[in-house]
Amino acid sequence: MDVESSPVERAQRRFVGALDALEAAVRRRQEKDRSATALEKEIRTLSDDRSRLAQDLDKAQARSVQLESVSKKVSERLDSAIGSIRGLLDREQAG
């Protein structure tokens, strides 16, 4: 420190330095708070997306079960129709 400066000037420089450090700390804290707020918003968005996707998956699975049931019924009807046609063809060829 400057030996020629008065104790008041030295105290004033230390005070200004402390204020600068405090302002820097406040800015860092504000940035952390903004980051935390942004992160919380992103987490809420992801949670909402997850819920929506879970509902969509449940609906798709229910639809898949329904389609499998319909597919099985169609397959059974086709097998029955093929059997009937073969029976008719066999009778026609025998006759």
N, C-alpha and C. Protein backbone atom coordinates (compact mmCIF):
# COMPACT_ATOMS: atom_id res chain seq x y z
N MET A 1 0.83 -1.17 0.00
CA MET A 1 0.00 0.00 0.00
C MET A 1 0.88 1.23 0.00
N ASP A 2 0.29 2.29 -0.45
CA ASP A 2 1.02 3.56 -0.52
C ASP A 2 1.19 4.13 0.89
N VAL A 3 2.46 4.35 1.27
CA VAL A 3 2.76 4.84 2.60
C VAL A 3 2.25 6.27 2.76
N GLU A 4 2.20 7.00 1.66
CA GLU A 4 1.79 8.40 1.73
C GLU A 4 0.28 8.58 1.84
N SER A 5 -0.51 7.53 1.58
CA SER A 5 -1.96 7.70 1.65
C SER A 5 -2.41 7.71 3.11
N SER A 6 -3.48 8.41 3.33
CA SER A 6 -3.98 8.53 4.70
C SER A 6 -4.75 7.27 5.07
N PRO A 7 -4.94 7.05 6.35
CA PRO A 7 -5.73 5.90 6.79
C PRO A 7 -7.14 5.93 6.22
N VAL A 8 -7.71 7.07 6.02
CA VAL A 8 -9.06 7.19 5.46
C VAL A 8 -9.04 6.73 4.00
N GLU A 9 -8.03 7.15 3.25
CA GLU A 9 -7.94 6.73 1.84
C GLU A 9 -7.74 5.22 1.74
N ARG A 10 -6.90 4.67 2.61
CA ARG A 10 -6.68 3.21 2.60
C ARG A 10 -7.98 2.48 2.96
N ALA A 11 -8.67 2.99 3.95
CA ALA A 11 -9.94 2.39 4.35
C ALA A 11 -10.96 2.51 3.22
N GLN A 12 -10.94 3.65 2.55
CA GLN A 12 -11.87 3.84 1.43
C GLN A 12 -11.57 2.85 0.31
N ARG A 13 -10.28 2.63 -0.01
CA ARG A 13 -9.91 1.66 -1.06
C ARG A 13 -10.33 0.24 -0.65
N ARG A 14 -10.11 -0.10 0.61
CA ARG A 14 -10.53 -1.43 1.08
C ARG A 14 -12.05 -1.57 1.01
N PHE A 15 -12.75 -0.50 1.37
CA PHE A 15 -14.22 -0.51 1.31
C PHE A 15 -14.70 -0.69 -0.12
N VAL A 16 -14.09 0.06 -1.06
CA VAL A 16 -14.47 -0.06 -2.48
C VAL A 16 -14.15 -1.48 -2.97
N GLY A 17 -13.01 -2.02 -2.57
CA GLY A 17 -12.67 -3.40 -2.95
C GLY A 17 -13.67 -4.40 -2.41
N ALA A 18 -14.08 -4.19 -1.16
CA ALA A 18 -15.08 -5.08 -0.55
C ALA A 18 -16.42 -4.96 -1.28
N LEU A 19 -16.80 -3.75 -1.64
CA LEU A 19 -18.05 -3.56 -2.39
C LEU A 19 -17.97 -4.25 -3.76
N ASP A 20 -16.82 -4.13 -4.43
CA ASP A 20 -16.65 -4.80 -5.73
C ASP A 20 -16.78 -6.32 -5.57
N ALA A 21 -16.14 -6.85 -4.51
CA ALA A 21 -16.22 -8.29 -4.26
C ALA A 21 -17.66 -8.70 -3.96
N LEU A 22 -18.36 -7.88 -3.18
CA LEU A 22 -19.76 -8.19 -2.87
C LEU A 22 -20.62 -8.16 -4.12
N GLU A 23 -20.43 -7.16 -4.97
CA GLU A 23 -21.20 -7.07 -6.22
C GLU A 23 -20.92 -8.28 -7.10
N ALA A 24 -19.66 -8.70 -7.16
CA ALA A 24 -19.32 -9.88 -7.96
C ALA A 24 -19.99 -11.12 -7.40
N ALA A 25 -20.01 -11.24 -6.07
CA ALA A 25 -20.67 -12.39 -5.44
C ALA A 25 -22.17 -12.38 -5.71
N VAL A 26 -22.77 -11.19 -5.67
CA VAL A 26 -24.21 -11.08 -5.95
C VAL A 26 -24.49 -11.47 -7.40
N ARG A 27 -23.65 -11.03 -8.33
CA ARG A 27 -23.84 -11.40 -9.75
C ARG A 27 -23.71 -12.92 -9.94
N ARG A 28 -22.72 -13.52 -9.28
CA ARG A 28 -22.56 -14.98 -9.39
C ARG A 28 -23.79 -15.69 -8.83
N ARG A 29 -24.29 -15.19 -7.70
CA ARG A 29 -25.48 -15.81 -7.09
C ARG A 29 -26.70 -15.66 -7.99
N GLN A 30 -26.85 -14.49 -8.58
CA GLN A 30 -27.98 -14.27 -9.49
C GLN A 30 -27.90 -15.21 -10.69
N GLU A 31 -26.69 -15.40 -11.21
CA GLU A 31 -26.51 -16.31 -12.35
C GLU A 31 -26.85 -17.74 -11.95
N LYS A 32 -26.43 -18.13 -10.75
CA LYS A 32 -26.77 -19.48 -10.27
C LYS A 32 -28.27 -19.63 -10.12
N ASP A 33 -28.92 -18.58 -9.59
CA ASP A 33 -30.38 -18.63 -9.43
C ASP A 33 -31.07 -18.74 -10.78
N ARG A 34 -30.58 -17.98 -11.77
CA ARG A 34 -31.16 -18.06 -13.11
C ARG A 34 -30.94 -19.46 -13.69
N SER A 35 -29.75 -20.01 -13.46
CA SER A 35 -29.46 -21.35 -13.96
C SER A 35 -30.36 -22.38 -13.28
N ALA A 36 -30.54 -22.24 -11.98
CA ALA A 36 -31.40 -23.17 -11.24
C ALA A 36 -32.84 -23.07 -11.72
N THR A 37 -33.30 -21.85 -11.96
CA THR A 37 -34.67 -21.65 -12.44
C THR A 37 -34.83 -22.28 -13.82
N ALA A 38 -33.85 -22.08 -14.68
CA ALA A 38 -33.91 -22.67 -16.02
C ALA A 38 -33.89 -24.20 -15.93
N LEU A 39 -33.08 -24.73 -15.03
CA LEU A 39 -33.01 -26.18 -14.86
C LEU A 39 -34.34 -26.72 -14.33
N GLU A 40 -34.92 -26.03 -13.37
CA GLU A 40 -36.22 -26.46 -12.84
C GLU A 40 -37.28 -26.46 -13.93
N LYS A 41 -37.27 -25.43 -14.78
CA LYS A 41 -38.23 -25.36 -15.88
C LYS A 41 -38.01 -26.52 -16.84
N GLU A 42 -36.77 -26.82 -17.16
CA GLU A 42 -36.45 -27.94 -18.06
C GLU A 42 -36.90 -29.27 -17.45
N ILE A 43 -36.70 -29.42 -16.15
CA ILE A 43 -37.14 -30.65 -15.47
C ILE A 43 -38.65 -30.79 -15.53
N ARG A 44 -39.38 -29.68 -15.31
CA ARG A 44 -40.85 -29.73 -15.41
C ARG A 44 -41.28 -30.10 -16.83
N THR A 45 -40.61 -29.51 -17.81
CA THR A 45 -40.94 -29.81 -19.21
C THR A 45 -40.69 -31.28 -19.51
N LEU A 46 -39.55 -31.79 -19.08
CA LEU A 46 -39.23 -33.21 -19.31
C LEU A 46 -40.21 -34.12 -18.59
N SER A 47 -40.61 -33.74 -17.39
CA SER A 47 -41.57 -34.53 -16.64
C SER A 47 -42.93 -34.56 -17.35
N ASP A 48 -43.34 -33.40 -17.85
CA ASP A 48 -44.60 -33.34 -18.61
C ASP A 48 -44.51 -34.20 -19.87
N ASP A 49 -43.38 -34.10 -20.56
CA ASP A 49 -43.17 -34.91 -21.77
C ASP A 49 -43.22 -36.40 -21.43
N ARG A 50 -42.58 -36.77 -20.32
CA ARG A 50 -42.56 -38.17 -19.91
C ARG A 50 -43.98 -38.67 -19.63
N SER A 51 -44.77 -37.86 -18.94
CA SER A 51 -46.15 -38.24 -18.64
C SER A 51 -46.96 -38.41 -19.93
N ARG A 52 -46.79 -37.47 -20.84
CA ARG A 52 -47.52 -37.55 -22.10
C ARG A 52 -47.09 -38.78 -22.89
N LEU A 53 -45.79 -39.04 -22.92
CA LEU A 53 -45.29 -40.20 -23.65
C LEU A 53 -45.76 -41.51 -23.00
N ALA A 54 -45.84 -41.54 -21.68
CA ALA A 54 -46.33 -42.73 -20.98
C ALA A 54 -47.80 -42.98 -21.35
N GLN A 55 -48.58 -41.92 -21.41
CA GLN A 55 -49.99 -42.06 -21.81
C GLN A 55 -50.09 -42.54 -23.25
N ASP A 56 -49.27 -41.97 -24.12
CA ASP A 56 -49.27 -42.38 -25.53
C ASP A 56 -48.88 -43.85 -25.66
N LEU A 57 -47.90 -44.27 -24.87
CA LEU A 57 -47.47 -45.66 -24.91
C LEU A 57 -48.59 -46.59 -24.43
N ASP A 58 -49.27 -46.21 -23.37
CA ASP A 58 -50.39 -47.02 -22.88
C ASP A 58 -51.47 -47.17 -23.95
N LYS A 59 -51.78 -46.06 -24.62
CA LYS A 59 -52.78 -46.11 -25.69
C LYS A 59 -52.31 -47.00 -26.84
N ALA A 60 -51.05 -46.87 -27.20
CA ALA A 60 -50.51 -47.67 -28.30
C ALA A 60 -50.51 -49.16 -27.94
N GLN A 61 -50.19 -49.48 -26.69
CA GLN A 61 -50.22 -50.87 -26.27
C GLN A 61 -51.63 -51.42 -26.29
N ALA A 62 -52.60 -50.64 -25.85
CA ALA A 62 -54.00 -51.08 -25.88
C ALA A 62 -54.44 -51.29 -27.32
N ARG A 63 -54.04 -50.37 -28.20
CA ARG A 63 -54.38 -50.50 -29.62
C ARG A 63 -53.73 -51.75 -30.22
N SER A 64 -52.52 -52.04 -29.82
CA SER A 64 -51.81 -53.22 -30.32
C SER A 64 -52.54 -54.51 -29.91
N VAL A 65 -52.99 -54.55 -28.66
CA VAL A 65 -53.75 -55.72 -28.19
C VAL A 65 -55.03 -55.86 -28.99
N GLN A 66 -55.70 -54.74 -29.23
CA GLN A 66 -56.94 -54.76 -30.01
C GLN A 66 -56.66 -55.25 -31.43
N LEU A 67 -55.60 -54.75 -32.05
CA LEU A 67 -55.27 -55.16 -33.42
C LEU A 67 -54.89 -56.64 -33.48
N GLU A 68 -54.19 -57.13 -32.47
CA GLU A 68 -53.85 -58.55 -32.43
C GLU A 68 -55.11 -59.41 -32.37
N SER A 69 -56.09 -58.97 -31.59
CA SER A 69 -57.35 -59.70 -31.48
C SER A 69 -58.08 -59.72 -32.82
N VAL A 70 -58.17 -58.57 -33.46
CA VAL A 70 -58.83 -58.48 -34.76
C VAL A 70 -58.08 -59.32 -35.79
N SER A 71 -56.76 -59.26 -35.76
CA SER A 71 -55.94 -60.03 -36.69
C SER A 71 -56.19 -61.53 -36.52
N LYS A 72 -56.29 -61.95 -35.27
CA LYS A 72 -56.55 -63.38 -35.00
C LYS A 72 -57.91 -63.78 -35.55
N LYS A 73 -58.93 -62.95 -35.36
CA LYS A 73 -60.27 -63.25 -35.86
C LYS A 73 -60.27 -63.30 -37.39
N VAL A 74 -59.60 -62.35 -38.03
CA VAL A 74 -59.52 -62.34 -39.50
C VAL A 74 -58.81 -63.58 -39.99
N SER A 75 -57.72 -63.95 -39.32
CA SER A 75 -56.98 -65.14 -39.71
C SER A 75 -57.86 -66.39 -39.61
N GLU A 76 -58.64 -66.48 -38.51
CA GLU A 76 -59.54 -67.63 -38.34
C GLU A 76 -60.59 -67.67 -39.44
N ARG A 77 -61.13 -66.50 -39.79
CA ARG A 77 -62.13 -66.45 -40.86
C ARG A 77 -61.53 -66.83 -42.21
N LEU A 78 -60.31 -66.35 -42.46
CA LEU A 78 -59.64 -66.70 -43.71
C LEU A 78 -59.38 -68.21 -43.78
N ASP A 79 -58.91 -68.76 -42.66
CA ASP A 79 -58.68 -70.22 -42.63
C ASP A 79 -59.98 -70.97 -42.90
N SER A 80 -61.07 -70.50 -42.31
CA SER A 80 -62.36 -71.14 -42.52
C SER A 80 -62.80 -71.02 -43.99
N ALA A 81 -62.62 -69.82 -44.57
CA ALA A 81 -62.99 -69.61 -45.96
C ALA A 81 -62.13 -70.47 -46.88
N ILE A 82 -60.83 -70.55 -46.60
CA ILE A 82 -59.93 -71.39 -47.42
C ILE A 82 -60.36 -72.85 -47.32
N GLY A 83 -60.72 -73.27 -46.10
CA GLY A 83 -61.18 -74.65 -45.92
C GLY A 83 -62.45 -74.92 -46.72
N SER A 84 -63.37 -73.96 -46.69
CA SER A 84 -64.62 -74.13 -47.45
C SER A 84 -64.36 -74.19 -48.95
N ILE A 85 -63.49 -73.32 -49.43
CA ILE A 85 -63.17 -73.30 -50.86
C ILE A 85 -62.47 -74.60 -51.26
N ARG A 86 -61.55 -75.06 -50.44
CA ARG A 86 -60.88 -76.33 -50.75
C ARG A 86 -61.89 -77.49 -50.79
N GLY A 87 -62.81 -77.47 -49.84
CA GLY A 87 -63.85 -78.51 -49.81
C GLY A 87 -64.67 -78.50 -51.08
N LEU A 88 -65.06 -77.29 -51.52
CA LEU A 88 -65.84 -77.17 -52.75
C LEU A 88 -65.03 -77.64 -53.96
N LEU A 89 -63.75 -77.25 -54.02
CA LEU A 89 -62.90 -77.66 -55.13
C LEU A 89 -62.69 -79.18 -55.14
N ASP A 90 -62.50 -79.73 -53.96
CA ASP A 90 -62.31 -81.19 -53.86
C ASP A 90 -63.57 -81.92 -54.33
N ARG A 91 -64.75 -81.40 -53.95
CA ARG A 91 -66.00 -82.04 -54.38
C ARG A 91 -66.18 -81.91 -55.87
N GLU A 92 -65.80 -80.73 -56.39
CA GLU A 92 -65.95 -80.50 -57.83
C GLU A 92 -65.02 -81.42 -58.63
N GLN A 93 -63.80 -81.59 -58.13
CA GLN A 93 -62.84 -82.45 -58.82
C GLN A 93 -63.26 -83.93 -58.69
N ALA A 94 -63.88 -84.28 -57.61
CA ALA A 94 -64.32 -85.67 -57.40
C ALA A 94 -65.57 -85.95 -58.22
N GLY A 95 -66.34 -84.96 -58.50
CA GLY A 95 -67.62 -85.14 -59.13
C GLY A 95 -67.58 -85.16 -60.58
